[in-house]
Amino acid sequence: MRRLDVPYVTIPALGVLLLLAIPPSVHAQDWKGAGRIEGVVMDEAGQPIADATLKANCAARGGGSTIKSDKKGRFVLSGIVGCNWDFDISAPGYETFQIAIRLPGEGARLQPFKVPLKKAAAGVSPELQAVAAKADAAYKEGRFADARAEYEKLLALRPDLAPTIYQQIGFCYVQEKQHEKAVESLQKVLAFVPANAQIRAIAAQAALEGRMVDKARNLLSSLDETQIESPDLFFNLGVNFFNAGEVQDSIAYFGKTVAKDPAYVDAYYRRALAYLGQGQTAEAKTDFQKVVELQADGEMATMSKKALEQLK
């Protein structure tokens, strides 16, 4: 998922600043927060893999954590900041699986994703091992152009891994802010696995960051929303659309969020701000009241109460 550069929102008519949260300054070892990433590890037949090891690292925050999957293959990495999280996932007898997950701003949660592990193949060539190691090392060190070059070599050696490799190439382009190329690479992943909601959402987010709003909408038009279990995917897209200046779309996705989870306080708060910016005062007031109802204390509750006083 994506970094969110969320701006301050000023509402002069209220005479009070309503603030969208900005992630705090980065400090060494400061990788703990309120975010959450979860999923399930399984084999090629779809059976869960228990006791798989997941090493998660946020290079920008100088740390991370190692966790295990449970007997049903499930894992949860909680209490983390919004960051680009690199995962190394391994289990005895299986090839190590590496993936980069972009967790949005503070407190974000992502739709659970599936980690497919392949049985370890005998006689993996030294050349293949060397190229894969160089690609992953370059990515982790932030040398994204070098990483892309190595991933492209790996693609020539292992075309059967095309979905994973195109995903990594796409993530490199995301980091380099080459949004159009990022979307192009991630669309190649979708050509193999069109039902991958996580990649479809990341591609849409990259399109929005590149102000390719129509492309983002087109990507999302093929998203089977009945397959979305977590409201967080909708919430993150709402923030993306808001940051792209597409307020009505953001309102729609915040609406999808609360339809999935009627107690999703952040979505009511952000939708209230969006409504207020559109001059839809009655709708904003209703959402501010919902925030106070669901969360009596805290910054969002305090700002909502101030807004309601001004809207009387």
C-alpha atoms as a PDB file:
ATOM      1  CA  MET A   1       0.000   0.000   0.000  1.00  0.00           C
ATOM      2  CA  ARG A   2       1.266   3.676  -0.225  1.00  0.00           C
ATOM      3  CA  ARG A   3       2.745   6.531   1.776  1.00  0.00           C
ATOM      4  CA  LEU A   4       0.153   9.184   2.458  1.00  0.00           C
ATOM      5  CA  ASP A   5       1.242  12.800   2.348  1.00  0.00           C
ATOM      6  CA  VAL A   6      -1.881  14.154   4.001  1.00  0.00           C
ATOM      7  CA  PRO A   7      -2.239  17.939   4.007  1.00  0.00           C
ATOM      8  CA  TYR A   8      -3.662  20.243   6.616  1.00  0.00           C
ATOM      9  CA  VAL A   9      -7.218  21.261   5.767  1.00  0.00           C
ATOM     10  CA  THR A  10      -8.289  24.769   6.708  1.00  0.00           C
ATOM     11  CA  ILE A  11     -11.989  25.620   7.028  1.00  0.00           C
ATOM     12  CA  PRO A  12     -12.102  29.446   7.283  1.00  0.00           C
ATOM     13  CA  ALA A  13     -15.895  29.501   7.618  1.00  0.00           C
ATOM     14  CA  LEU A  14     -15.614  27.740  10.949  1.00  0.00           C
ATOM     15  CA  GLY A  15     -12.797  29.899  12.220  1.00  0.00           C
ATOM     16  CA  VAL A  16     -11.012  26.710  13.289  1.00  0.00           C
ATOM     17  CA  LEU A  17      -8.453  24.404  11.712  1.00  0.00           C
ATOM     18  CA  LEU A  18      -9.567  20.844  11.168  1.00  0.00           C
ATOM     19  CA  LEU A  19      -6.428  18.807  10.713  1.00  0.00           C
ATOM     20  CA  LEU A  20      -5.863  15.617   8.823  1.00  0.00           C
ATOM     21  CA  ALA A  21      -3.133  13.684  10.557  1.00  0.00           C
ATOM     22  CA  ILE A  22       0.421  14.085   9.279  1.00  0.00           C
ATOM     23  CA  PRO A  23       2.833  11.246  10.055  1.00  0.00           C
ATOM     24  CA  PRO A  24       5.385  12.310  12.693  1.00  0.00           C
ATOM     25  CA  SER A  25       9.050  12.854  11.947  1.00  0.00           C
ATOM     26  CA  VAL A  26      11.066   9.712  11.424  1.00  0.00           C
ATOM     27  CA  HIS A  27      13.458   8.679  14.197  1.00  0.00           C
ATOM     28  CA  ALA A  28      15.837   5.735  14.271  1.00  0.00           C
ATOM     29  CA  GLN A  29      14.234   2.530  15.546  1.00  0.00           C
ATOM     30  CA  ASP A  30      10.858   4.280  15.528  1.00  0.00           C
ATOM     31  CA  TRP A  31       8.923   1.573  13.689  1.00  0.00           C
ATOM     32  CA  LYS A  32       6.190   1.007  16.256  1.00  0.00           C
ATOM     33  CA  GLY A  33       2.745   2.522  15.749  1.00  0.00           C
ATOM     34  CA  ALA A  34      -0.906   1.626  15.372  1.00  0.00           C
ATOM     35  CA  GLY A  35      -0.910  -0.016  11.936  1.00  0.00           C
ATOM     36  CA  ARG A  36      -1.534  -3.661  11.054  1.00  0.00           C
ATOM     37  CA  ILE A  37      -0.657  -6.116   8.270  1.00  0.00           C
ATOM     38  CA  GLU A  38      -2.095  -9.618   8.222  1.00  0.00           C
ATOM     39  CA  GLY A  39      -2.489 -12.603   5.966  1.00  0.00           C
ATOM     40  CA  VAL A  40      -2.079 -16.353   5.571  1.00  0.00           C
ATOM     41  CA  VAL A  41       0.836 -18.519   4.406  1.00  0.00           C
ATOM     42  CA  MET A  42      -0.113 -21.498   2.245  1.00  0.00           C
ATOM     43  CA  ASP A  43       1.383 -24.025  -0.134  1.00  0.00           C
ATOM     44  CA  GLU A  44       0.692 -24.349  -3.861  1.00  0.00           C
ATOM     45  CA  ALA A  45      -2.343 -26.517  -3.138  1.00  0.00           C
ATOM     46  CA  GLY A  46      -3.859 -23.831  -0.907  1.00  0.00           C
ATOM     47  CA  GLN A  47      -3.144 -25.663   2.344  1.00  0.00           C
ATOM     48  CA  PRO A  48      -1.989 -23.557   5.313  1.00  0.00           C
ATOM     49  CA  ILE A  49       1.659 -23.667   6.369  1.00  0.00           C
ATOM     50  CA  ALA A  50       2.087 -23.504  10.130  1.00  0.00           C
ATOM     51  CA  ASP A  51       5.129 -22.023  11.881  1.00  0.00           C
ATOM     52  CA  ALA A  52       6.381 -20.151   8.812  1.00  0.00           C
ATOM     53  CA  THR A  53       8.847 -17.393   9.698  1.00  0.00           C
ATOM     54  CA  LEU A  54       8.071 -13.843   8.580  1.00  0.00           C
ATOM     55  CA  LYS A  55      10.828 -11.263   8.942  1.00  0.00           C
ATOM     56  CA  ALA A  56       9.447  -7.750   8.510  1.00  0.00           C
ATOM     57  CA  ASN A  57      11.703  -4.734   8.135  1.00  0.00           C
ATOM     58  CA  CYS A  58      11.048  -1.022   7.664  1.00  0.00           C
ATOM     59  CA  ALA A  59      14.362   0.408   6.479  1.00  0.00           C
ATOM     60  CA  ALA A  60      13.165   4.004   6.788  1.00  0.00           C
ATOM     61  CA  ARG A  61      12.434   3.477  10.483  1.00  0.00           C
ATOM     62  CA  GLY A  62      15.478   1.377  11.249  1.00  0.00           C
ATOM     63  CA  GLY A  63      13.880  -1.825  12.441  1.00  0.00           C
ATOM     64  CA  GLY A  64      11.166  -4.392  12.384  1.00  0.00           C
ATOM     65  CA  SER A  65      10.006  -7.673  13.832  1.00  0.00           C
ATOM     66  CA  THR A  66       9.995 -11.439  13.249  1.00  0.00           C
ATOM     67  CA  ILE A  67       6.743 -13.358  13.665  1.00  0.00           C
ATOM     68  CA  LYS A  68       5.407 -16.875  13.014  1.00  0.00           C
ATOM     69  CA  SER A  69       2.282 -18.137  11.300  1.00  0.00           C
ATOM     70  CA  ASP A  70      -0.166 -20.067  13.474  1.00  0.00           C
ATOM     71  CA  LYS A  71      -1.492 -23.595  12.881  1.00  0.00           C
ATOM     72  CA  LYS A  72      -3.900 -22.235  10.271  1.00  0.00           C
ATOM     73  CA  GLY A  73      -1.112 -20.370   8.483  1.00  0.00           C
ATOM     74  CA  ARG A  74      -2.359 -16.991   9.685  1.00  0.00           C
ATOM     75  CA  PHE A  75      -0.088 -14.159  10.787  1.00  0.00           C
ATOM     76  CA  VAL A  76      -0.593 -10.665  12.141  1.00  0.00           C
ATOM     77  CA  LEU A  77       2.031  -7.908  12.290  1.00  0.00           C
ATOM     78  CA  SER A  78       0.478  -5.225  14.466  1.00  0.00           C
ATOM     79  CA  GLY A  79       1.632  -2.127  16.305  1.00  0.00           C
ATOM     80  CA  ILE A  80       3.597  -0.785  13.312  1.00  0.00           C
ATOM     81  CA  VAL A  81       3.965   2.566  11.557  1.00  0.00           C
ATOM     82  CA  GLY A  82       2.988   3.422   8.012  1.00  0.00           C
ATOM     83  CA  CYS A  83       6.034   2.460   5.969  1.00  0.00           C
ATOM     84  CA  ASN A  84       7.356   0.379   3.082  1.00  0.00           C
ATOM     85  CA  TRP A  85       7.636  -2.998   4.811  1.00  0.00           C
ATOM     86  CA  ASP A  86       9.898  -5.660   3.326  1.00  0.00           C
ATOM     87  CA  PHE A  87       8.967  -9.262   4.172  1.00  0.00           C
ATOM     88  CA  ASP A  88      11.142 -12.382   3.940  1.00  0.00           C
ATOM     89  CA  ILE A  89       8.842 -15.380   4.403  1.00  0.00           C
ATOM     90  CA  SER A  90      10.257 -18.864   4.791  1.00  0.00           C
ATOM     91  CA  ALA A  91       9.410 -22.381   5.941  1.00  0.00           C
ATOM     92  CA  PRO A  92      11.416 -25.620   5.919  1.00  0.00           C
ATOM     93  CA  GLY A  93      11.223 -27.301   2.515  1.00  0.00           C
ATOM     94  CA  TYR A  94       9.924 -24.193   0.723  1.00  0.00           C
ATOM     95  CA  GLU A  95      11.502 -21.394  -1.295  1.00  0.00           C
ATOM     96  CA  THR A  96      11.803 -18.093   0.530  1.00  0.00           C
ATOM     97  CA  PHE A  97       9.163 -15.625  -0.619  1.00  0.00           C
ATOM     98  CA  GLN A  98       9.937 -11.903  -0.585  1.00  0.00           C
ATOM     99  CA  ILE A  99       7.400  -9.130  -0.902  1.00  0.00           C
ATOM    100  CA  ALA A 100       7.212  -5.394  -0.221  1.00  0.00           C
ATOM    101  CA  ILE A 101       4.019  -4.102   1.339  1.00  0.00           C
ATOM    102  CA  ARG A 102       3.265  -0.394   1.444  1.00  0.00           C
ATOM    103  CA  LEU A 103       1.311   0.405   4.586  1.00  0.00           C
ATOM    104  CA  PRO A 104      -0.356   3.835   4.412  1.00  0.00           C
ATOM    105  CA  GLY A 105      -0.336   6.445   7.163  1.00  0.00           C
ATOM    106  CA  GLU A 106      -0.509   5.969  10.902  1.00  0.00           C
ATOM    107  CA  GLY A 107      -3.148   3.501  12.046  1.00  0.00           C
ATOM    108  CA  ALA A 108      -3.742   2.021   8.580  1.00  0.00           C
ATOM    109  CA  ARG A 109      -4.802  -1.592   8.157  1.00  0.00           C
ATOM    110  CA  LEU A 110      -4.671  -3.611   4.971  1.00  0.00           C
ATOM    111  CA  GLN A 111      -6.842  -6.307   3.523  1.00  0.00           C
ATOM    112  CA  PRO A 112      -5.405  -9.732   4.526  1.00  0.00           C
ATOM    113  CA  PHE A 113      -3.274 -11.160   1.737  1.00  0.00           C
ATOM    114  CA  LYS A 114      -2.180 -14.666   0.782  1.00  0.00           C
ATOM    115  CA  VAL A 115       1.463 -15.749   0.710  1.00  0.00           C
ATOM    116  CA  PRO A 116       1.986 -18.711  -1.658  1.00  0.00           C
ATOM    117  CA  LEU A 117       5.155 -20.711  -0.897  1.00  0.00           C
ATOM    118  CA  LYS A 118       6.588 -23.059  -3.499  1.00  0.00           C
ATOM    119  CA  LYS A 119       8.338 -26.315  -2.709  1.00  0.00           C
ATOM    120  CA  ALA A 120      12.091 -25.808  -2.812  1.00  0.00           C
ATOM    121  CA  ALA A 121      13.520 -26.939  -6.124  1.00  0.00           C
ATOM    122  CA  ALA A 122      16.627 -29.082  -6.201  1.00  0.00           C
ATOM    123  CA  GLY A 123      19.721 -27.725  -7.879  1.00  0.00           C
ATOM    124  CA  VAL A 124      18.968 -23.990  -8.038  1.00  0.00           C
ATOM    125  CA  SER A 125      21.778 -22.527 -10.139  1.00  0.00           C
ATOM    126  CA  PRO A 126      24.394 -20.288  -8.516  1.00  0.00           C
ATOM    127  CA  GLU A 127      23.688 -17.691 -11.225  1.00  0.00           C
ATOM    128  CA  LEU A 128      20.024 -17.550 -10.270  1.00  0.00           C
ATOM    129  CA  GLN A 129      20.848 -17.273  -6.573  1.00  0.00           C
ATOM    130  CA  ALA A 130      23.336 -14.465  -7.247  1.00  0.00           C
ATOM    131  CA  VAL A 131      20.929 -12.419  -9.375  1.00  0.00           C
ATOM    132  CA  ALA A 132      18.080 -12.799  -6.867  1.00  0.00           C
ATOM    133  CA  ALA A 133      20.365 -11.797  -3.981  1.00  0.00           C
ATOM    134  CA  LYS A 134      21.640  -8.716  -5.839  1.00  0.00           C
ATOM    135  CA  ALA A 135      18.111  -7.628  -6.748  1.00  0.00           C
ATOM    136  CA  ASP A 136      16.801  -7.928  -3.209  1.00  0.00           C
ATOM    137  CA  ALA A 137      19.863  -6.265  -1.673  1.00  0.00           C
ATOM    138  CA  ALA A 138      19.606  -3.298  -4.042  1.00  0.00           C
ATOM    139  CA  TYR A 139      15.922  -2.873  -3.239  1.00  0.00           C
ATOM    140  CA  LYS A 140      16.486  -2.929   0.515  1.00  0.00           C
ATOM    141  CA  GLU A 141      19.325  -0.417   0.173  1.00  0.00           C
ATOM    142  CA  GLY A 142      17.123   1.972  -1.795  1.00  0.00           C
ATOM    143  CA  ARG A 143      18.998   1.497  -5.096  1.00  0.00           C
ATOM    144  CA  PHE A 144      15.806   0.998  -7.021  1.00  0.00           C
ATOM    145  CA  ALA A 145      17.164   1.437 -10.558  1.00  0.00           C
ATOM    146  CA  ASP A 146      19.830  -1.209  -9.835  1.00  0.00           C
ATOM    147  CA  ALA A 147      17.167  -3.466  -8.311  1.00  0.00           C
ATOM    148  CA  ARG A 148      15.003  -3.153 -11.427  1.00  0.00           C
ATOM    149  CA  ALA A 149      17.914  -4.140 -13.653  1.00  0.00           C
ATOM    150  CA  GLU A 150      18.543  -7.261 -11.582  1.00  0.00           C
ATOM    151  CA  TYR A 151      14.846  -8.169 -11.445  1.00  0.00           C
ATOM    152  CA  GLU A 152      14.739  -7.948 -15.236  1.00  0.00           C
ATOM    153  CA  LYS A 153      17.675 -10.384 -15.425  1.00  0.00           C
ATOM    154  CA  LEU A 154      15.827 -12.652 -13.016  1.00  0.00           C
ATOM    155  CA  LEU A 155      12.738 -12.498 -15.222  1.00  0.00           C
ATOM    156  CA  ALA A 156      14.763 -13.837 -18.146  1.00  0.00           C
ATOM    157  CA  LEU A 157      16.033 -16.699 -15.967  1.00  0.00           C
ATOM    158  CA  ARG A 158      12.713 -17.504 -14.290  1.00  0.00           C
ATOM    159  CA  PRO A 159       9.766 -16.436 -16.467  1.00  0.00           C
ATOM    160  CA  ASP A 160       7.580 -18.700 -14.302  1.00  0.00           C
ATOM    161  CA  LEU A 161       7.989 -16.120 -11.509  1.00  0.00           C
ATOM    162  CA  ALA A 162       6.750 -13.273 -13.710  1.00  0.00           C
ATOM    163  CA  PRO A 163       3.896 -12.113 -11.421  1.00  0.00           C
ATOM    164  CA  THR A 164       6.197 -11.741  -8.404  1.00  0.00           C
ATOM    165  CA  ILE A 165       9.022 -10.169 -10.422  1.00  0.00           C
ATOM    166  CA  TYR A 166       6.754  -7.657 -12.180  1.00  0.00           C
ATOM    167  CA  GLN A 167       5.369  -6.791  -8.758  1.00  0.00           C
ATOM    168  CA  GLN A 168       8.863  -5.991  -7.479  1.00  0.00           C
ATOM    169  CA  ILE A 169       9.668  -3.972 -10.602  1.00  0.00           C
ATOM    170  CA  GLY A 170       6.434  -2.043 -10.091  1.00  0.00           C
ATOM    171  CA  PHE A 171       7.310  -1.345  -6.472  1.00  0.00           C
ATOM    172  CA  CYS A 172      10.715  -0.028  -7.579  1.00  0.00           C
ATOM    173  CA  TYR A 173       9.009   2.398  -9.942  1.00  0.00           C
ATOM    174  CA  VAL A 174       6.633   3.442  -7.140  1.00  0.00           C
ATOM    175  CA  GLN A 175       9.624   4.277  -4.937  1.00  0.00           C
ATOM    176  CA  GLU A 176      11.189   6.248  -7.781  1.00  0.00           C
ATOM    177  CA  LYS A 177       7.898   8.108  -8.270  1.00  0.00           C
ATOM    178  CA  GLN A 178       7.726   6.945 -11.875  1.00  0.00           C
ATOM    179  CA  HIS A 179       4.025   6.447 -11.521  1.00  0.00           C
ATOM    180  CA  GLU A 180       3.139   5.622 -15.119  1.00  0.00           C
ATOM    181  CA  LYS A 181       5.748   2.869 -15.320  1.00  0.00           C
ATOM    182  CA  ALA A 182       4.690   1.598 -11.903  1.00  0.00           C
ATOM    183  CA  VAL A 183       1.117   1.205 -13.096  1.00  0.00           C
ATOM    184  CA  GLU A 184       2.284  -0.481 -16.295  1.00  0.00           C
ATOM    185  CA  SER A 185       4.299  -3.075 -14.339  1.00  0.00           C
ATOM    186  CA  LEU A 186       1.543  -3.738 -11.836  1.00  0.00           C
ATOM    187  CA  GLN A 187      -0.949  -4.177 -14.656  1.00  0.00           C
ATOM    188  CA  LYS A 188       1.297  -6.992 -15.936  1.00  0.00           C
ATOM    189  CA  VAL A 189       0.833  -8.662 -12.556  1.00  0.00           C
ATOM    190  CA  LEU A 190      -2.921  -8.289 -12.943  1.00  0.00           C
ATOM    191  CA  ALA A 191      -2.729  -9.928 -16.359  1.00  0.00           C
ATOM    192  CA  PHE A 192      -1.683 -13.101 -14.507  1.00  0.00           C
ATOM    193  CA  VAL A 193      -3.842 -12.642 -11.404  1.00  0.00           C
ATOM    194  CA  PRO A 194      -6.683 -10.213 -12.244  1.00  0.00           C
ATOM    195  CA  ALA A 195      -8.473 -10.983  -8.966  1.00  0.00           C
ATOM    196  CA  ASN A 196      -5.551  -9.770  -6.813  1.00  0.00           C
ATOM    197  CA  ALA A 197      -7.313  -6.941  -4.979  1.00  0.00           C
ATOM    198  CA  GLN A 198      -4.161  -5.799  -3.184  1.00  0.00           C
ATOM    199  CA  ILE A 199      -2.173  -5.256  -6.394  1.00  0.00           C
ATOM    200  CA  ARG A 200      -5.169  -3.677  -8.116  1.00  0.00           C
ATOM    201  CA  ALA A 201      -5.488  -1.208  -5.251  1.00  0.00           C
ATOM    202  CA  ILE A 202      -1.748  -0.420  -5.235  1.00  0.00           C
ATOM    203  CA  ALA A 203      -1.856   0.155  -8.989  1.00  0.00           C
ATOM    204  CA  ALA A 204      -4.817   2.498  -8.544  1.00  0.00           C
ATOM    205  CA  GLN A 205      -2.993   4.331  -5.769  1.00  0.00           C
ATOM    206  CA  ALA A 206       0.093   4.738  -7.978  1.00  0.00           C
ATOM    207  CA  ALA A 207      -2.140   6.104 -10.723  1.00  0.00           C
ATOM    208  CA  LEU A 208      -3.652   8.614  -8.306  1.00  0.00           C
ATOM    209  CA  GLU A 209      -0.212   9.713  -7.116  1.00  0.00           C
ATOM    210  CA  GLY A 210       0.645  10.343 -10.763  1.00  0.00           C
ATOM    211  CA  ARG A 211      -2.637  12.239 -11.184  1.00  0.00           C
ATOM    212  CA  MET A 212      -3.861   9.601 -13.634  1.00  0.00           C
ATOM    213  CA  VAL A 213      -7.339   9.688 -12.173  1.00  0.00           C
ATOM    214  CA  ASP A 214      -9.138   8.101 -15.120  1.00  0.00           C
ATOM    215  CA  LYS A 215      -6.690   5.179 -15.119  1.00  0.00           C
ATOM    216  CA  ALA A 216      -7.243   4.728 -11.375  1.00  0.00           C
ATOM    217  CA  ARG A 217     -10.993   4.670 -11.884  1.00  0.00           C
ATOM    218  CA  ASN A 218     -10.600   2.165 -14.717  1.00  0.00           C
ATOM    219  CA  LEU A 219      -8.507  -0.133 -12.519  1.00  0.00           C
ATOM    220  CA  LEU A 220     -11.042   0.083  -9.729  1.00  0.00           C
ATOM    221  CA  SER A 221     -13.939  -0.579 -12.096  1.00  0.00           C
ATOM    222  CA  SER A 222     -12.733  -4.200 -12.297  1.00  0.00           C
ATOM    223  CA  LEU A 223     -12.378  -4.592  -8.547  1.00  0.00           C
ATOM    224  CA  ASP A 224     -14.838  -7.189  -7.294  1.00  0.00           C
ATOM    225  CA  GLU A 225     -15.917  -5.436  -4.117  1.00  0.00           C
ATOM    226  CA  THR A 226     -17.716  -8.533  -2.859  1.00  0.00           C
ATOM    227  CA  GLN A 227     -14.252 -10.069  -2.389  1.00  0.00           C
ATOM    228  CA  ILE A 228     -13.072  -7.235  -0.158  1.00  0.00           C
ATOM    229  CA  GLU A 229     -13.160  -8.378   3.449  1.00  0.00           C
ATOM    230  CA  SER A 230     -11.422  -5.426   5.079  1.00  0.00           C
ATOM    231  CA  PRO A 231     -12.776  -1.848   5.053  1.00  0.00           C
ATOM    232  CA  ASP A 232      -9.205  -0.543   5.135  1.00  0.00           C
ATOM    233  CA  LEU A 233      -8.749  -0.935   1.398  1.00  0.00           C
ATOM    234  CA  PHE A 234     -11.711   1.376   0.786  1.00  0.00           C
ATOM    235  CA  PHE A 235     -10.476   3.835   3.405  1.00  0.00           C
ATOM    236  CA  ASN A 236      -6.996   4.078   1.888  1.00  0.00           C
ATOM    237  CA  LEU A 237      -8.481   4.722  -1.548  1.00  0.00           C
ATOM    238  CA  GLY A 238     -10.674   7.426  -0.054  1.00  0.00           C
ATOM    239  CA  VAL A 239      -7.566   9.182   1.245  1.00  0.00           C
ATOM    240  CA  ASN A 240      -5.834   8.722  -2.127  1.00  0.00           C
ATOM    241  CA  PHE A 241      -8.710  10.315  -4.005  1.00  0.00           C
ATOM    242  CA  PHE A 242      -8.876  13.166  -1.500  1.00  0.00           C
ATOM    243  CA  ASN A 243      -5.138  13.859  -1.940  1.00  0.00           C
ATOM    244  CA  ALA A 244      -5.649  13.830  -5.721  1.00  0.00           C
ATOM    245  CA  GLY A 245      -8.324  16.509  -5.386  1.00  0.00           C
ATOM    246  CA  GLU A 246     -11.163  14.158  -6.337  1.00  0.00           C
ATOM    247  CA  VAL A 247     -13.359  14.901  -3.339  1.00  0.00           C
ATOM    248  CA  GLN A 248     -16.556  13.260  -4.560  1.00  0.00           C
ATOM    249  CA  ASP A 249     -14.671  10.020  -5.196  1.00  0.00           C
ATOM    250  CA  SER A 250     -13.138  10.235  -1.743  1.00  0.00           C
ATOM    251  CA  ILE A 251     -16.601  10.703  -0.232  1.00  0.00           C
ATOM    252  CA  ALA A 252     -17.778   7.614  -2.121  1.00  0.00           C
ATOM    253  CA  TYR A 253     -14.927   5.456  -0.839  1.00  0.00           C
ATOM    254  CA  PHE A 254     -15.301   6.671   2.736  1.00  0.00           C
ATOM    255  CA  GLY A 255     -18.950   5.686   2.326  1.00  0.00           C
ATOM    256  CA  LYS A 256     -17.888   2.194   1.217  1.00  0.00           C
ATOM    257  CA  THR A 257     -15.664   2.046   4.298  1.00  0.00           C
ATOM    258  CA  VAL A 258     -18.433   2.738   6.807  1.00  0.00           C
ATOM    259  CA  ALA A 259     -20.817   0.472   4.925  1.00  0.00           C
ATOM    260  CA  LYS A 260     -18.326  -2.336   5.540  1.00  0.00           C
ATOM    261  CA  ASP A 261     -17.573  -1.235   9.124  1.00  0.00           C
ATOM    262  CA  PRO A 262     -20.138   1.141  10.692  1.00  0.00           C
ATOM    263  CA  ALA A 263     -17.728   1.866  13.569  1.00  0.00           C
ATOM    264  CA  TYR A 264     -14.840   3.091  11.386  1.00  0.00           C
ATOM    265  CA  VAL A 265     -14.257   6.449  13.097  1.00  0.00           C
ATOM    266  CA  ASP A 266     -11.482   7.715  10.812  1.00  0.00           C
ATOM    267  CA  ALA A 267     -13.697   7.346   7.753  1.00  0.00           C
ATOM    268  CA  TYR A 268     -16.534   9.388   9.292  1.00  0.00           C
ATOM    269  CA  TYR A 269     -14.064  12.103  10.317  1.00  0.00           C
ATOM    270  CA  ARG A 270     -12.391  12.359   6.925  1.00  0.00           C
ATOM    271  CA  ARG A 271     -15.708  12.219   5.098  1.00  0.00           C
ATOM    272  CA  ALA A 272     -16.957  15.049   7.312  1.00  0.00           C
ATOM    273  CA  LEU A 273     -13.973  17.156   6.250  1.00  0.00           C
ATOM    274  CA  ALA A 274     -14.615  16.307   2.611  1.00  0.00           C
ATOM    275  CA  TYR A 275     -18.297  17.198   2.924  1.00  0.00           C
ATOM    276  CA  LEU A 276     -17.397  20.463   4.635  1.00  0.00           C
ATOM    277  CA  GLY A 277     -15.044  21.405   1.821  1.00  0.00           C
ATOM    278  CA  GLN A 278     -17.892  20.815  -0.642  1.00  0.00           C
ATOM    279  CA  GLY A 279     -20.266  23.019   1.328  1.00  0.00           C
ATOM    280  CA  GLN A 280     -22.425  20.049   2.351  1.00  0.00           C
ATOM    281  CA  THR A 281     -22.839  21.242   5.917  1.00  0.00           C
ATOM    282  CA  ALA A 282     -25.686  18.970   6.968  1.00  0.00           C
ATOM    283  CA  GLU A 283     -23.832  15.856   5.849  1.00  0.00           C
ATOM    284  CA  ALA A 284     -20.636  17.044   7.557  1.00  0.00           C
ATOM    285  CA  LYS A 285     -22.511  17.688  10.788  1.00  0.00           C
ATOM    286  CA  THR A 286     -23.983  14.180  10.739  1.00  0.00           C
ATOM    287  CA  ASP A 287     -20.533  12.627  10.339  1.00  0.00           C
ATOM    288  CA  PHE A 288     -18.961  14.811  13.046  1.00  0.00           C
ATOM    289  CA  GLN A 289     -21.737  13.721  15.389  1.00  0.00           C
ATOM    290  CA  LYS A 290     -21.009  10.097  14.525  1.00  0.00           C
ATOM    291  CA  VAL A 291     -17.335  10.598  15.403  1.00  0.00           C
ATOM    292  CA  VAL A 292     -18.265  11.964  18.835  1.00  0.00           C
ATOM    293  CA  GLU A 293     -20.731   9.125  19.349  1.00  0.00           C
ATOM    294  CA  LEU A 294     -18.137   6.470  18.547  1.00  0.00           C
ATOM    295  CA  GLN A 295     -15.107   8.098  20.145  1.00  0.00           C
ATOM    296  CA  ALA A 296     -15.807  10.355  23.102  1.00  0.00           C
ATOM    297  CA  ASP A 297     -12.137  11.273  23.612  1.00  0.00           C
ATOM    298  CA  GLY A 298      -9.138  11.878  21.409  1.00  0.00           C
ATOM    299  CA  GLU A 299      -8.053  14.400  18.793  1.00  0.00           C
ATOM    300  CA  MET A 300     -10.743  13.550  16.224  1.00  0.00           C
ATOM    301  CA  ALA A 301     -13.462  13.783  18.878  1.00  0.00           C
ATOM    302  CA  THR A 302     -12.120  17.126  20.101  1.00  0.00           C
ATOM    303  CA  MET A 303     -11.948  18.606  16.605  1.00  0.00           C
ATOM    304  CA  SER A 304     -15.398  17.222  15.764  1.00  0.00           C
ATOM    305  CA  LYS A 305     -16.903  18.840  18.871  1.00  0.00           C
ATOM    306  CA  LYS A 306     -15.341  22.188  17.920  1.00  0.00           C
ATOM    307  CA  ALA A 307     -16.716  21.864  14.411  1.00  0.00           C
ATOM    308  CA  LEU A 308     -20.207  21.058  15.706  1.00  0.00           C
ATOM    309  CA  GLU A 309     -20.130  24.135  17.963  1.00  0.00           C
ATOM    310  CA  GLN A 310     -19.361  26.308  14.956  1.00  0.00           C
ATOM    311  CA  LEU A 311     -22.039  24.615  12.850  1.00  0.00           C
ATOM    312  CA  LYS A 312     -24.892  25.329  15.270  1.00  0.00           C
END
